[in-house]
Amino acid sequence: MLPPATYLVGGSVRDALLERHADYLDLDFVLPTGAVKVAKAIANHYQVGFVLLDAERQIARVVFEKATVDFAQQVGPSLEIDLQRRDFTVNAIAYNPHTAQLLDPMQGYADLQKRLIRMIASENLKEDPLRLLRAYRQAAQLGFTLEPDTCDTIQHLAPLLQQVAAERVQAEVGYLLSTPQGTALLARAWRDGLFKHWLPHITPTGLEQVEQIDQAAIALQHSCSGFALELCGWLRDQQKMSLAGRSWLKVAKLTCLIAPDAALAEQELWQLKYSRAEVQAVLTVLRFLPQVQSTQLANLSLREQYYLFRGVGAVFPAIAVLAVAAGTPIAAIAPLIARFLNPDDPVAHPNPLLTGHDLMTTLQISAGPQIGQLLEALQLAHAEGKIANRSEALVLAQQMLTAND
């Protein structure tokens, strides 16, 4: 169904030449004319999703179960001119699926062999300044280095990045935070001036902490693989949102890149369009990490552990990996990790033995603040091992009421 003049372009061609494989395909086709018409016909034929992305520029998307396929009309009178307007040479290689012909006017294949990210032209980077940051992300993604003239140009154009939509910048930063390979490129991007507007409080110390978090995560993987999986997870009631790349590991790293002052940190995070859940997670880390680092964890009473978990909640993995990165021995925090990983642990995950309705009906008391106070006291008593079941909880609640009369 693809017309003869259709070419596959961009990252999918690059990755195929590098023999890189992905579980989910992201394909981009360029056609001289009729891109939207072709996309709609393919979507109808396969009975899959169709999205018109840009009617004026003739760009549409077809969404399969394990692939997203974009169709775009070429920019300019020829495919060669279209390729000349792209960001980097390695992304300016086209492949004709009918003839198996490669079109490589920018010598991108040679740069693939050299493992280089090389700009096509400075004007192309100016056209979309996000490409300045994308160079570092792609270098991290591919294990490539940045060509020196490209670096010089990026440093010169760095102030333009503040013109880019915050969501787009956040996505690129998120990738650099998601893998150990991104850490060195994150530091390089900072040295080249790309974060002066978006993350003005990054320091060399903060970047060192990000590297230490990578090392801590690896150490935790060896000692506690279950907890390492938690680090890569996100809120249990927002699992679908993890597809956006959210994780406690990223929260931990992000905390190292923002102002230590909570009010300033919050402003920075909102400016970068982080979600409310992400902002609250980072602020929770800022609030509780000093407490964890200054405490002899082995000496924490059950009551103290209970209130620590109550304060940090689901954010505990981010605080734990940061604590280990800062020098807390894994053995010292391992008991808390074990509690966190056990969904039935009454200290880390208290489940009430009684409800407010139970208290009102069984003990004949009216609704009011006293109910909440009793429930809190019962949860703490359960965490401390003083009660273990509903009957014991009712007895203790009655004793508390009698003592207060």
Protein backbone atom coordinates (compact mmCIF):
# COMPACT_ATOMS: atom_id res chain seq x y z
CA MET A 1 0.00 0.00 0.00
CA LEU A 2 3.03 2.28 0.18
CA PRO A 3 3.61 4.30 -3.02
CA PRO A 4 6.94 3.61 -4.79
CA ALA A 5 8.37 7.02 -3.81
CA THR A 6 7.88 6.36 -0.08
CA TYR A 7 11.03 6.42 2.07
CA LEU A 8 11.59 5.37 5.66
CA VAL A 9 13.63 8.05 7.44
CA GLY A 10 15.03 9.07 10.79
CA GLY A 11 15.81 7.05 13.88
CA SER A 12 14.38 3.75 12.67
CA VAL A 13 16.78 3.71 9.70
CA ARG A 14 19.67 4.70 11.94
CA ASP A 15 18.84 2.00 14.49
CA ALA A 16 18.46 -0.67 11.80
CA LEU A 17 21.90 0.16 10.44
CA LEU A 18 23.26 -0.09 13.99
CA GLU A 19 21.36 -3.37 14.49
CA ARG A 20 19.57 -1.92 17.49
CA HIS A 21 16.29 -3.64 18.28
CA ALA A 22 13.24 -2.31 20.13
CA ASP A 23 10.12 -3.98 21.49
CA TYR A 24 8.02 -1.06 20.21
CA LEU A 25 8.56 0.29 16.69
CA ASP A 26 8.50 4.01 15.94
CA LEU A 27 8.60 4.48 12.17
CA ASP A 28 8.65 7.65 10.07
CA PHE A 29 7.81 7.66 6.36
CA VAL A 30 8.21 10.57 3.97
CA LEU A 31 6.18 10.86 0.78
CA PRO A 32 6.34 13.49 -1.97
CA THR A 33 2.52 13.89 -1.91
CA GLY A 34 -0.59 12.41 -0.34
CA ALA A 35 0.89 11.49 3.05
CA VAL A 36 -2.37 11.88 4.99
CA LYS A 37 -4.36 10.00 2.36
CA VAL A 38 -1.93 7.07 2.48
CA ALA A 39 -1.94 7.02 6.29
CA LYS A 40 -5.74 6.97 6.41
CA ALA A 41 -5.91 4.15 3.85
CA ILE A 42 -3.45 2.03 5.87
CA ALA A 43 -5.32 2.70 9.13
CA ASN A 44 -8.61 1.68 7.49
CA HIS A 45 -7.09 -1.43 5.92
CA TYR A 46 -5.67 -2.71 9.20
CA GLN A 47 -8.51 -1.33 11.34
CA VAL A 48 -6.15 0.56 13.64
CA GLY A 49 -5.91 4.08 15.04
CA PHE A 50 -5.49 7.18 12.87
CA VAL A 51 -4.46 10.64 14.12
CA LEU A 52 -4.15 13.76 11.97
CA LEU A 53 -1.16 15.55 13.49
CA ASP A 54 -0.85 18.52 11.14
CA ALA A 55 -3.26 19.08 8.26
CA GLU A 56 -1.32 22.01 6.82
CA ARG A 57 2.03 20.20 6.74
CA GLN A 58 0.38 16.89 5.83
CA ILE A 59 1.48 14.78 8.80
CA ALA A 60 -0.57 11.88 10.15
CA ARG A 61 -0.05 8.95 12.49
CA VAL A 62 -1.19 5.34 12.37
CA VAL A 63 -1.17 3.54 15.71
CA PHE A 64 -0.71 -0.23 15.84
CA GLU A 65 -0.54 -2.35 18.99
CA LYS A 66 3.26 -2.46 18.97
CA ALA A 67 4.15 0.31 16.56
CA THR A 68 3.54 3.97 15.83
CA VAL A 69 3.92 4.93 12.17
CA ASP A 70 4.07 8.57 11.08
CA PHE A 71 3.55 9.71 7.51
CA ALA A 72 4.74 13.16 6.44
CA GLN A 73 4.95 15.05 3.22
CA GLN A 74 8.53 15.88 2.32
CA VAL A 75 9.71 19.42 3.05
CA GLY A 76 10.97 21.01 -0.15
CA PRO A 77 10.90 19.91 -3.80
CA SER A 78 12.96 16.75 -3.20
CA LEU A 79 13.74 14.19 -0.54
CA GLU A 80 17.39 15.29 -0.54
CA ILE A 81 16.36 18.81 0.46
CA ASP A 82 14.08 17.36 3.15
CA LEU A 83 17.00 15.40 4.60
CA GLN A 84 19.23 18.47 4.53
CA ARG A 85 16.82 20.20 6.95
CA ARG A 86 17.09 17.52 9.65
CA ASP A 87 19.06 17.73 12.89
CA PHE A 88 22.03 15.35 12.70
CA THR A 89 23.64 13.41 9.90
CA VAL A 90 22.89 10.02 11.45
CA ASN A 91 19.17 10.88 11.34
CA ALA A 92 19.28 12.02 7.70
CA ILE A 93 19.48 8.62 6.04
CA ALA A 94 16.49 7.41 4.01
CA TYR A 95 15.55 3.88 2.97
CA ASN A 96 13.19 2.87 0.17
CA PRO A 97 11.42 -0.37 1.24
CA HIS A 98 10.52 -1.19 -2.39
CA THR A 99 14.04 -1.00 -3.82
CA ALA A 100 16.14 -1.44 -0.62
CA GLN A 101 17.96 1.73 -1.70
CA LEU A 102 19.67 3.96 0.89
CA LEU A 103 19.76 7.70 0.31
CA ASP A 104 22.51 9.33 2.39
CA PRO A 105 23.29 12.85 1.11
CA MET A 106 24.71 14.00 4.49
CA GLN A 107 27.13 11.09 4.86
CA GLY A 108 25.35 9.92 7.97
CA TYR A 109 26.44 6.31 7.54
CA ALA A 110 30.09 7.37 7.84
CA ASP A 111 29.24 9.12 11.13
CA LEU A 112 27.43 6.01 12.34
CA GLN A 113 30.64 4.07 11.83
CA LYS A 114 32.59 6.77 13.68
CA ARG A 115 29.88 6.84 16.40
CA LEU A 116 29.53 10.61 16.06
CA ILE A 117 26.64 13.01 16.56
CA ARG A 118 27.28 15.71 13.93
CA MET A 119 24.93 18.59 13.10
CA ILE A 120 23.89 19.16 9.52
CA ALA A 121 23.80 22.95 9.86
CA SER A 122 23.57 25.48 12.68
CA GLU A 123 20.41 26.91 11.08
CA ASN A 124 18.73 23.54 11.54
CA LEU A 125 19.44 23.68 15.27
CA LYS A 126 18.11 27.25 15.45
CA GLU A 127 14.92 26.16 13.70
CA ASP A 128 14.07 23.90 16.65
CA PRO A 129 16.33 24.65 19.65
CA LEU A 130 15.24 21.45 21.40
CA ARG A 131 17.69 19.79 19.02
CA LEU A 132 20.47 21.35 21.11
CA LEU A 133 19.51 19.17 24.07
CA ARG A 134 18.48 16.24 21.91
CA ALA A 135 22.10 15.92 20.76
CA TYR A 136 23.11 14.91 24.29
CA ARG A 137 20.16 12.57 24.69
CA GLN A 138 20.95 10.79 21.44
CA ALA A 139 24.63 10.57 22.35
CA ALA A 140 23.60 8.87 25.60
CA GLN A 141 21.05 6.66 23.85
CA LEU A 142 23.50 5.46 21.19
CA GLY A 143 26.77 5.57 23.13
CA PHE A 144 28.09 8.15 20.66
CA THR A 145 30.28 11.23 21.14
CA LEU A 146 29.52 14.78 20.05
CA GLU A 147 31.52 16.12 17.13
CA PRO A 148 33.60 19.18 18.27
CA ASP A 149 32.13 21.76 15.85
CA THR A 150 28.64 20.60 16.85
CA CYS A 151 29.53 21.14 20.52
CA ASP A 152 30.85 24.62 19.82
CA THR A 153 27.67 25.54 17.97
CA ILE A 154 25.46 24.16 20.74
CA GLN A 155 27.32 26.21 23.36
CA HIS A 156 26.83 29.32 21.24
CA LEU A 157 23.12 28.66 20.69
CA ALA A 158 22.38 27.40 24.24
CA PRO A 159 20.32 30.48 25.29
CA LEU A 160 17.75 29.56 22.61
CA LEU A 161 16.68 26.52 24.63
CA GLN A 162 14.64 28.73 26.95
CA GLN A 163 12.27 29.37 24.01
CA VAL A 164 11.27 25.68 23.88
CA ALA A 165 8.08 24.41 25.53
CA ALA A 166 8.79 23.15 29.04
CA GLU A 167 7.19 19.75 28.41
CA ARG A 168 9.62 19.04 25.58
CA VAL A 169 12.63 20.02 27.67
CA GLN A 170 11.39 17.89 30.56
CA ALA A 171 11.10 14.84 28.29
CA GLU A 172 14.74 15.13 27.18
CA VAL A 173 15.95 15.68 30.75
CA GLY A 174 13.90 12.66 31.78
CA TYR A 175 15.72 10.44 29.35
CA LEU A 176 19.13 11.63 30.60
CA LEU A 177 17.99 10.82 34.15
CA SER A 178 16.68 7.39 33.23
CA THR A 179 19.97 5.58 32.57
CA PRO A 180 23.53 5.62 33.90
CA GLN A 181 24.65 6.38 30.34
CA GLY A 182 22.76 9.65 30.52
CA THR A 183 24.57 10.94 33.61
CA ALA A 184 27.81 11.94 31.89
CA LEU A 185 25.88 13.61 29.06
CA LEU A 186 23.71 15.44 31.58
CA ALA A 187 26.86 16.88 33.15
CA ARG A 188 28.23 17.75 29.71
CA ALA A 189 25.01 19.55 28.77
CA TRP A 190 25.20 21.54 32.01
CA ARG A 191 28.82 22.53 31.34
CA ASP A 192 27.80 23.62 27.85
CA GLY A 193 25.20 25.99 29.30
CA LEU A 194 21.95 24.27 28.38
CA PHE A 195 20.35 24.36 31.83
CA LYS A 196 20.96 27.97 32.88
CA HIS A 197 17.30 28.81 32.39
CA TRP A 198 15.51 25.56 33.23
CA LEU A 199 17.63 24.19 36.10
CA PRO A 200 19.64 27.17 37.39
CA HIS A 201 20.62 25.51 40.68
CA ILE A 202 22.56 22.56 39.26
CA THR A 203 25.99 22.32 40.88
CA PRO A 204 29.00 20.03 40.38
CA THR A 205 28.14 18.49 43.75
CA GLY A 206 24.61 17.75 42.61
CA LEU A 207 25.88 16.09 39.44
CA GLU A 208 28.27 13.98 41.51
CA GLN A 209 25.30 12.89 43.60
CA VAL A 210 23.46 11.78 40.46
CA GLU A 211 26.45 9.60 39.57
CA GLN A 212 26.49 8.21 43.11
CA ILE A 213 22.80 7.35 42.76
CA ASP A 214 23.62 5.29 39.67
CA GLN A 215 26.19 3.39 41.72
CA ALA A 216 23.80 2.99 44.66
CA ALA A 217 21.09 1.62 42.37
CA ILE A 218 23.51 -0.99 41.02
CA ALA A 219 24.52 -1.95 44.57
CA LEU A 220 20.87 -2.29 45.56
CA GLN A 221 20.24 -4.42 42.47
CA HIS A 222 22.89 -6.88 43.66
CA SER A 223 21.73 -6.94 47.26
CA CYS A 224 17.99 -6.60 46.84
CA SER A 225 16.64 -7.06 43.31
CA GLY A 226 13.04 -6.63 44.45
CA PHE A 227 13.77 -3.15 45.73
CA ALA A 228 15.66 -2.27 42.55
CA LEU A 229 12.45 -3.00 40.66
CA GLU A 230 10.59 -0.64 42.99
CA LEU A 231 13.09 2.09 42.13
CA CYS A 232 12.08 1.81 38.50
CA GLY A 233 8.39 1.89 39.38
CA TRP A 234 5.89 4.59 40.17
CA LEU A 235 2.72 5.09 42.18
CA ARG A 236 0.70 1.88 42.25
CA ASP A 237 -2.54 3.69 41.48
CA GLN A 238 -0.92 5.40 38.49
CA GLN A 239 0.85 2.48 36.86
CA LYS A 240 -0.27 3.45 33.38
CA MET A 241 1.44 6.81 33.82
CA SER A 242 4.78 5.05 34.21
CA LEU A 243 4.80 4.84 30.43
CA ALA A 244 5.68 8.54 30.55
CA GLY A 245 8.95 7.49 32.15
CA ARG A 246 8.24 8.39 35.77
CA SER A 247 10.14 6.50 38.44
CA TRP A 248 11.45 6.89 41.98
CA LEU A 249 14.99 6.70 40.60
CA LYS A 250 14.32 9.79 38.48
CA VAL A 251 12.77 11.55 41.46
CA ALA A 252 15.93 10.87 43.48
CA LYS A 253 18.17 12.23 40.72
CA LEU A 254 15.94 15.22 40.06
CA THR A 255 16.18 16.18 43.73
CA CYS A 256 19.94 16.61 43.25
CA LEU A 257 19.47 19.09 40.41
CA ILE A 258 17.13 21.62 41.97
CA ALA A 259 17.38 24.22 44.70
CA PRO A 260 17.69 22.76 48.20
CA ASP A 261 15.14 25.31 49.39
CA ALA A 262 11.67 23.76 49.08
CA ALA A 263 9.93 26.92 47.85
CA LEU A 264 12.49 27.54 45.09
CA ALA A 265 12.52 23.85 44.17
CA GLU A 266 8.76 23.85 43.79
CA GLN A 267 8.92 26.85 41.45
CA GLU A 268 11.51 25.13 39.25
CA LEU A 269 9.49 21.93 39.05
CA TRP A 270 6.26 23.71 38.14
CA GLN A 271 8.14 25.72 35.50
CA LEU A 272 9.26 22.45 33.90
CA LYS A 273 5.64 21.23 33.96
CA TYR A 274 6.19 18.27 36.27
CA SER A 275 3.00 16.68 37.55
CA ARG A 276 1.62 17.39 41.00
CA ALA A 277 2.58 13.86 42.09
CA GLU A 278 6.17 14.37 40.93
CA VAL A 279 6.45 17.76 42.60
CA GLN A 280 5.13 16.39 45.89
CA ALA A 281 7.50 13.42 45.66
CA VAL A 282 10.56 15.67 45.27
CA LEU A 283 9.43 17.93 48.11
CA THR A 284 8.93 14.88 50.34
CA VAL A 285 12.49 13.76 49.61
CA LEU A 286 13.83 17.24 50.44
CA ARG A 287 11.92 17.18 53.72
CA PHE A 288 12.76 13.69 54.97
CA LEU A 289 16.19 12.87 53.55
CA PRO A 290 18.10 14.92 56.16
CA GLN A 291 16.21 13.07 58.88
CA VAL A 292 17.16 9.67 57.43
CA GLN A 293 20.80 10.65 56.94
CA SER A 294 21.21 12.04 60.46
CA THR A 295 19.53 9.09 62.18
CA GLN A 296 21.06 5.86 63.43
CA LEU A 297 18.62 3.72 61.46
CA ALA A 298 19.39 0.56 63.43
CA ASN A 299 18.26 2.31 66.63
CA LEU A 300 14.89 3.51 65.35
CA SER A 301 12.03 2.31 67.52
CA LEU A 302 8.96 0.77 65.92
CA ARG A 303 7.10 3.98 66.69
CA GLU A 304 9.79 6.07 64.95
CA GLN A 305 9.79 3.73 61.95
CA TYR A 306 6.01 3.95 61.78
CA TYR A 307 6.03 7.74 61.66
CA LEU A 308 8.88 7.77 59.14
CA PHE A 309 6.95 5.52 56.76
CA ARG A 310 3.79 7.48 57.37
CA GLY A 311 5.61 10.66 56.37
CA VAL A 312 7.38 9.38 53.27
CA GLY A 313 4.79 6.89 52.02
CA ALA A 314 5.39 5.60 48.50
CA VAL A 315 8.39 7.94 48.09
CA PHE A 316 10.54 5.69 50.31
CA PRO A 317 12.52 4.14 47.39
CA ALA A 318 13.78 7.57 46.28
CA ILE A 319 14.85 8.45 49.82
CA ALA A 320 16.50 5.07 50.34
CA VAL A 321 18.63 5.19 47.18
CA LEU A 322 19.66 8.77 47.96
CA ALA A 323 20.64 7.76 51.49
CA VAL A 324 22.76 4.87 50.16
CA ALA A 325 24.32 7.20 47.58
CA ALA A 326 25.25 9.59 50.39
CA GLY A 327 27.03 6.85 52.33
CA THR A 328 24.40 5.08 54.41
CA PRO A 329 25.38 1.36 54.46
CA ILE A 330 22.88 -0.89 52.73
CA ALA A 331 22.92 -3.14 55.79
CA ALA A 332 21.70 -0.23 57.92
CA ILE A 333 18.71 0.53 55.74
CA ALA A 334 17.98 -3.09 54.74
CA PRO A 335 15.46 -3.69 57.58
CA LEU A 336 13.43 -0.68 56.43
CA ILE A 337 13.62 -1.90 52.84
CA ALA A 338 12.35 -5.31 53.93
CA ARG A 339 9.40 -3.68 55.69
CA PHE A 340 8.62 -1.56 52.61
CA LEU A 341 8.66 -4.61 50.33
CA ASN A 342 6.22 -6.50 52.56
CA PRO A 343 2.71 -5.22 51.77
CA ASP A 344 1.41 -6.74 55.03
CA ASP A 345 3.97 -5.06 57.26
CA PRO A 346 2.02 -3.03 59.87
CA VAL A 347 4.85 -0.51 60.27
CA ALA A 348 5.43 0.39 56.62
CA HIS A 349 1.91 -0.31 55.32
CA PRO A 350 -0.53 -0.01 58.23
CA ASN A 351 -3.96 -1.38 57.51
CA PRO A 352 -6.58 -0.50 60.12
CA LEU A 353 -7.88 -3.43 62.12
CA LEU A 354 -11.06 -1.44 62.69
CA THR A 355 -13.00 1.21 60.79
CA GLY A 356 -14.61 4.32 62.17
CA HIS A 357 -17.97 2.64 61.69
CA ASP A 358 -16.79 -0.31 63.81
CA LEU A 359 -15.89 2.04 66.64
CA MET A 360 -19.15 3.95 66.50
CA THR A 361 -21.41 0.89 66.37
CA THR A 362 -19.53 -1.40 68.75
CA LEU A 363 -18.46 1.16 71.36
CA GLN A 364 -21.50 3.43 70.99
CA ILE A 365 -19.59 6.64 70.32
CA SER A 366 -20.52 9.50 68.03
CA ALA A 367 -18.71 10.70 64.95
CA GLY A 368 -16.06 13.31 65.62
CA PRO A 369 -12.32 13.93 66.00
CA GLN A 370 -12.13 11.24 68.68
CA ILE A 371 -12.73 8.55 66.02
CA GLY A 372 -9.69 9.59 64.01
CA GLN A 373 -7.55 9.79 67.15
CA LEU A 374 -8.56 6.29 68.19
CA LEU A 375 -7.88 4.83 64.75
CA GLU A 376 -4.44 6.43 64.67
CA ALA A 377 -3.63 5.10 68.14
CA LEU A 378 -4.77 1.61 67.15
CA GLN A 379 -2.63 1.61 63.99
CA LEU A 380 0.40 2.64 66.04
CA ALA A 381 -0.35 -0.05 68.61
CA HIS A 382 -0.56 -2.61 65.81
CA ALA A 383 2.79 -1.43 64.42
CA GLU A 384 4.37 -1.76 67.86
CA GLY A 385 3.03 -5.30 68.25
CA LYS A 386 0.67 -4.47 71.12
CA ILE A 387 -2.39 -5.74 69.26
CA ALA A 388 -2.71 -8.25 66.42
CA ASN A 389 -6.38 -8.61 65.51
CA ARG A 390 -9.80 -6.98 65.54
CA SER A 391 -10.80 -8.28 68.97
CA GLU A 392 -7.64 -6.96 70.62
CA ALA A 393 -8.14 -3.63 68.85
CA LEU A 394 -11.66 -3.31 70.26
CA VAL A 395 -10.45 -4.10 73.78
CA LEU A 396 -7.69 -1.51 73.54
CA ALA A 397 -10.09 1.09 72.11
CA GLN A 398 -12.45 0.52 75.04
CA GLN A 399 -9.56 0.88 77.49
CA MET A 400 -8.55 4.17 75.86
CA LEU A 401 -12.09 5.49 76.10
CA THR A 402 -12.37 4.47 79.75
CA ALA A 403 -9.01 6.10 80.53
CA ASN A 404 -10.19 9.36 78.99
CA ASP A 405 -13.48 9.46 80.90
